[in-house]
Amino acid sequence: MTGLKVRTVTKPASSAAHERDADVCAVGAEEADFRDHRIGAARQSRQLVFRGRGIVPGRVEGEVLVSRETNPGWGGIDPATGAIIERRHELCGVCFTGKVLVFPGAKGSSGRPGFFQATRLMGTAPLAMVFTHLTTKAALGAIVTRVPTVTHFDDDPVAGIETGDRVEADGDTGLVIVHGRVADLTVARRTT
C-alpha cells in the first residue's frame, strides 16, 4: 500500500469535490500528520474515504462484513437465510443479510447472479456490495440484487475496512466512507 495519496479536510463535504485528488481522505486532521501514513494508521481515529466507481446506484449506511476470499454464489450461499454455506469459505455459516458485504470479487458459475437475485426476492440480500475485482459475474449479481454497489477502487477496501465497521456506501458517487466501528459508535452515542 505504498504511494497512497492522502488529503485532509476540516469537515465532511456535501459533495465529493474535496476527495478527487486523494486515494484516502482523512477528516479532521493536520496535513503534516499524513505525509507518510498508511490506511491502518489513518483509520485509528479518522474517517476514511475510498474512491471507486459506482455500478448500482443508491446510498446506504450500515455495518460491514468483510471476506478476504472471493464471494461464492451458486451452491455457496443459502438464499433463504442469506448465509454463506460453502464449507471451505472463511465465512461459512455467517449471514450477510442487511450488511455491507466487502469482498475481493466473485467466483463460481454463471448461476451466481440468480442466487443473489433470490436473496433480494426472499428479503435476505446484503445492504450493499463493495468489491475490488470487477467481473461479469460480480456485476450481474449486484445488478439483479439491486443494492448499491461500488467497485474499481484506487486502493483496496478489503485491506482497509474491517468486519464491524460502519460505512456509507454510495453507488451514485463511488465513495465508501468508513465512519468507525459499530461498537465504538454505540458507546459514543450512549455517553453523549
Protein backbone atom coordinates (compact mmCIF):
# COMPACT_ATOMS: atom_id res chain seq x y z
CA MET A 1 0.00 0.00 0.00
CA THR A 2 2.75 2.43 -0.76
CA GLY A 3 2.20 5.58 -2.72
CA LEU A 4 -1.24 6.44 -1.34
CA LYS A 5 -2.37 9.99 -1.93
CA VAL A 6 -3.85 11.24 1.35
CA ARG A 7 -5.72 14.51 1.70
CA THR A 8 -7.13 16.02 4.86
CA VAL A 9 -10.16 18.26 5.17
CA THR A 10 -11.64 20.08 8.12
CA LYS A 11 -15.12 18.61 7.74
CA PRO A 12 -17.02 16.19 5.52
CA ALA A 13 -18.33 17.91 2.42
CA SER A 14 -21.76 17.52 0.90
CA SER A 15 -20.08 16.86 -2.43
CA ALA A 16 -17.14 14.64 -3.31
CA ALA A 17 -15.07 17.51 -4.73
CA HIS A 18 -12.52 17.52 -1.90
CA GLU A 19 -11.71 13.81 -2.37
CA ARG A 20 -10.98 13.91 -6.11
CA ASP A 21 -7.20 14.13 -5.76
CA ALA A 22 -6.74 11.58 -2.99
CA ASP A 23 -6.97 7.82 -2.62
CA VAL A 24 -7.76 8.19 1.09
CA CYS A 25 -9.27 11.29 2.66
CA ALA A 26 -8.96 11.84 6.40
CA VAL A 27 -11.35 14.24 8.07
CA GLY A 28 -10.26 16.47 10.95
CA ALA A 29 -6.50 16.01 10.92
CA GLU A 30 -3.45 18.07 10.12
CA GLU A 31 -1.85 17.68 6.68
CA ALA A 32 1.58 17.10 8.23
CA ASP A 33 0.23 14.10 10.17
CA PHE A 34 -0.38 12.21 6.94
CA ARG A 35 2.68 12.70 4.78
CA ASP A 36 3.74 9.04 5.04
CA HIS A 37 0.71 7.41 6.67
CA ARG A 38 -0.84 4.14 5.58
CA ILE A 39 -4.53 3.24 5.86
CA GLY A 40 -4.01 1.19 9.03
CA ALA A 41 -2.61 4.16 10.90
CA ALA A 42 -5.11 6.66 9.50
CA ARG A 43 -8.16 4.56 10.37
CA GLN A 44 -7.39 4.55 14.10
CA SER A 45 -9.00 7.89 14.78
CA ARG A 46 -10.05 9.38 11.46
CA GLN A 47 -12.75 8.87 8.88
CA LEU A 48 -11.51 7.06 5.75
CA VAL A 49 -12.89 7.58 2.26
CA PHE A 50 -12.31 5.04 -0.51
CA ARG A 51 -12.89 6.29 -4.05
CA GLY A 52 -14.21 3.84 -6.62
CA ARG A 53 -16.81 3.53 -9.34
CA GLY A 54 -20.47 3.00 -8.60
CA ILE A 55 -22.15 0.34 -10.74
CA VAL A 56 -25.54 0.13 -8.99
CA PRO A 57 -26.93 3.46 -7.75
CA GLY A 58 -28.13 4.21 -4.26
CA ARG A 59 -26.70 5.22 -0.90
CA VAL A 60 -26.85 3.23 2.34
CA GLU A 61 -25.14 3.21 5.70
CA GLY A 62 -24.60 0.04 7.66
CA GLU A 63 -22.38 -2.49 9.37
CA VAL A 64 -19.70 -4.23 7.31
CA LEU A 65 -19.00 -7.91 6.77
CA VAL A 66 -15.57 -8.41 5.17
CA SER A 67 -14.46 -11.53 3.32
CA ARG A 68 -10.82 -11.85 2.32
CA GLU A 69 -11.87 -14.65 -0.04
CA THR A 70 -13.86 -14.31 -3.24
CA ASN A 71 -17.60 -14.42 -2.76
CA PRO A 72 -19.44 -17.60 -3.75
CA GLY A 73 -22.81 -17.80 -5.43
CA TRP A 74 -24.49 -20.88 -6.84
CA GLY A 75 -24.19 -23.61 -4.21
CA GLY A 76 -22.14 -21.36 -1.92
CA ILE A 77 -24.88 -19.24 -0.40
CA ASP A 78 -28.30 -20.06 1.01
CA PRO A 79 -30.75 -17.51 -0.44
CA ALA A 80 -33.39 -18.41 2.16
CA THR A 81 -31.17 -17.37 5.09
CA GLY A 82 -28.59 -15.06 3.48
CA ALA A 83 -25.77 -17.22 4.85
CA ILE A 84 -22.60 -18.40 3.17
CA ILE A 85 -22.71 -22.19 3.16
CA GLU A 86 -19.59 -23.09 1.17
CA ARG A 87 -17.77 -25.39 3.60
CA ARG A 88 -14.23 -24.17 2.90
CA HIS A 89 -15.09 -20.46 2.86
CA GLU A 90 -13.78 -18.38 5.77
CA LEU A 91 -17.32 -17.07 6.43
CA CYS A 92 -19.13 -20.41 6.25
CA GLY A 93 -22.27 -20.13 8.36
CA VAL A 94 -22.13 -16.31 8.55
CA CYS A 95 -25.17 -14.32 7.46
CA PHE A 96 -24.70 -11.29 5.19
CA THR A 97 -28.34 -10.13 5.32
CA GLY A 98 -28.55 -6.38 5.93
CA LYS A 99 -24.76 -5.96 5.96
CA VAL A 100 -22.46 -4.08 3.60
CA LEU A 101 -20.64 -7.01 2.01
CA VAL A 102 -16.96 -6.18 1.28
CA PHE A 103 -15.07 -8.80 -0.76
CA PRO A 104 -12.34 -9.13 -3.42
CA GLY A 105 -14.59 -10.44 -6.21
CA ALA A 106 -16.85 -13.24 -7.33
CA LYS A 107 -16.27 -16.90 -8.01
CA GLY A 108 -18.42 -19.68 -9.30
CA SER A 109 -20.52 -20.35 -12.34
CA SER A 110 -22.87 -18.15 -14.33
CA GLY A 111 -25.63 -19.27 -11.94
CA ARG A 112 -24.21 -16.98 -9.23
CA PRO A 113 -26.33 -13.91 -10.12
CA GLY A 114 -29.51 -15.99 -9.86
CA PHE A 115 -28.71 -16.88 -6.27
CA PHE A 116 -28.15 -13.24 -5.37
CA GLN A 117 -31.39 -12.27 -7.11
CA ALA A 118 -33.11 -14.89 -4.94
CA THR A 119 -31.73 -13.18 -1.81
CA ARG A 120 -33.42 -9.96 -2.94
CA LEU A 121 -36.71 -11.75 -3.56
CA MET A 122 -36.55 -13.52 -0.17
CA GLY A 123 -35.52 -10.42 1.79
CA THR A 124 -32.09 -11.79 2.74
CA ALA A 125 -29.88 -9.66 0.45
CA PRO A 126 -26.87 -7.70 1.63
CA LEU A 127 -27.42 -3.98 2.22
CA ALA A 128 -24.70 -3.08 -0.32
CA MET A 129 -21.77 -4.65 -2.12
CA VAL A 130 -18.21 -3.34 -2.20
CA PHE A 131 -15.64 -5.32 -4.18
CA THR A 132 -12.29 -4.78 -5.84
CA HIS A 133 -12.21 -7.09 -8.86
CA LEU A 134 -15.00 -6.45 -11.37
CA THR A 135 -16.17 -9.46 -13.37
CA THR A 136 -19.38 -10.05 -15.28
CA LYS A 137 -20.49 -12.46 -12.53
CA ALA A 138 -19.96 -9.89 -9.79
CA ALA A 139 -21.54 -7.05 -11.80
CA LEU A 140 -24.61 -9.03 -12.83
CA GLY A 141 -25.04 -10.35 -9.27
CA ALA A 142 -25.04 -6.76 -7.97
CA ILE A 143 -27.44 -5.54 -10.65
CA VAL A 144 -30.06 -8.24 -10.08
CA THR A 145 -29.74 -7.86 -6.30
CA ARG A 146 -30.45 -4.13 -6.76
CA VAL A 147 -28.28 -2.94 -3.89
CA PRO A 148 -25.86 0.00 -4.02
CA THR A 149 -22.55 -1.32 -5.37
CA VAL A 150 -19.09 0.23 -5.63
CA THR A 151 -16.02 -1.30 -7.27
CA HIS A 152 -12.79 -0.42 -9.12
CA PHE A 153 -11.06 1.36 -6.23
CA ASP A 154 -7.80 3.27 -6.23
CA ASP A 155 -6.96 1.37 -3.04
CA ASP A 156 -8.10 -2.00 -1.68
CA PRO A 157 -11.12 -1.66 0.66
CA VAL A 158 -10.71 -5.30 1.73
CA ALA A 159 -7.38 -4.31 3.30
CA GLY A 160 -8.64 -1.06 4.86
CA ILE A 161 -12.13 -1.95 6.09
CA GLU A 162 -12.83 -4.40 8.91
CA THR A 163 -15.85 -6.51 9.84
CA GLY A 164 -17.89 -4.47 12.30
CA ASP A 165 -17.01 -1.09 10.78
CA ARG A 166 -19.89 1.25 10.00
CA VAL A 167 -19.68 2.57 6.44
CA GLU A 168 -21.60 4.66 3.99
CA ALA A 169 -21.61 3.08 0.52
CA ASP A 170 -22.67 5.40 -2.27
CA GLY A 171 -23.23 3.83 -5.69
CA ASP A 172 -24.00 7.25 -7.17
CA THR A 173 -20.67 8.91 -6.32
CA GLY A 174 -18.49 5.79 -5.98
CA LEU A 175 -17.49 6.67 -2.42
CA VAL A 176 -17.23 4.33 0.55
CA ILE A 177 -16.81 6.26 3.79
CA VAL A 178 -15.69 4.42 6.93
CA HIS A 179 -17.24 6.08 9.98
CA GLY A 180 -15.77 3.74 12.63
CA ARG A 181 -16.54 0.54 14.46
CA VAL A 182 -20.20 -0.13 15.23
CA ALA A 183 -19.39 -0.90 18.89
CA ASP A 184 -17.40 2.35 19.25
CA LEU A 185 -20.20 4.40 17.71
CA THR A 186 -22.79 2.82 20.03
CA VAL A 187 -20.72 3.65 23.12
CA ALA A 188 -20.15 7.21 21.89
CA ARG A 189 -23.90 7.73 21.39
CA ARG A 190 -24.67 6.47 24.90
CA THR A 191 -22.15 8.83 26.53
CA THR A 192 -23.27 11.96 24.68
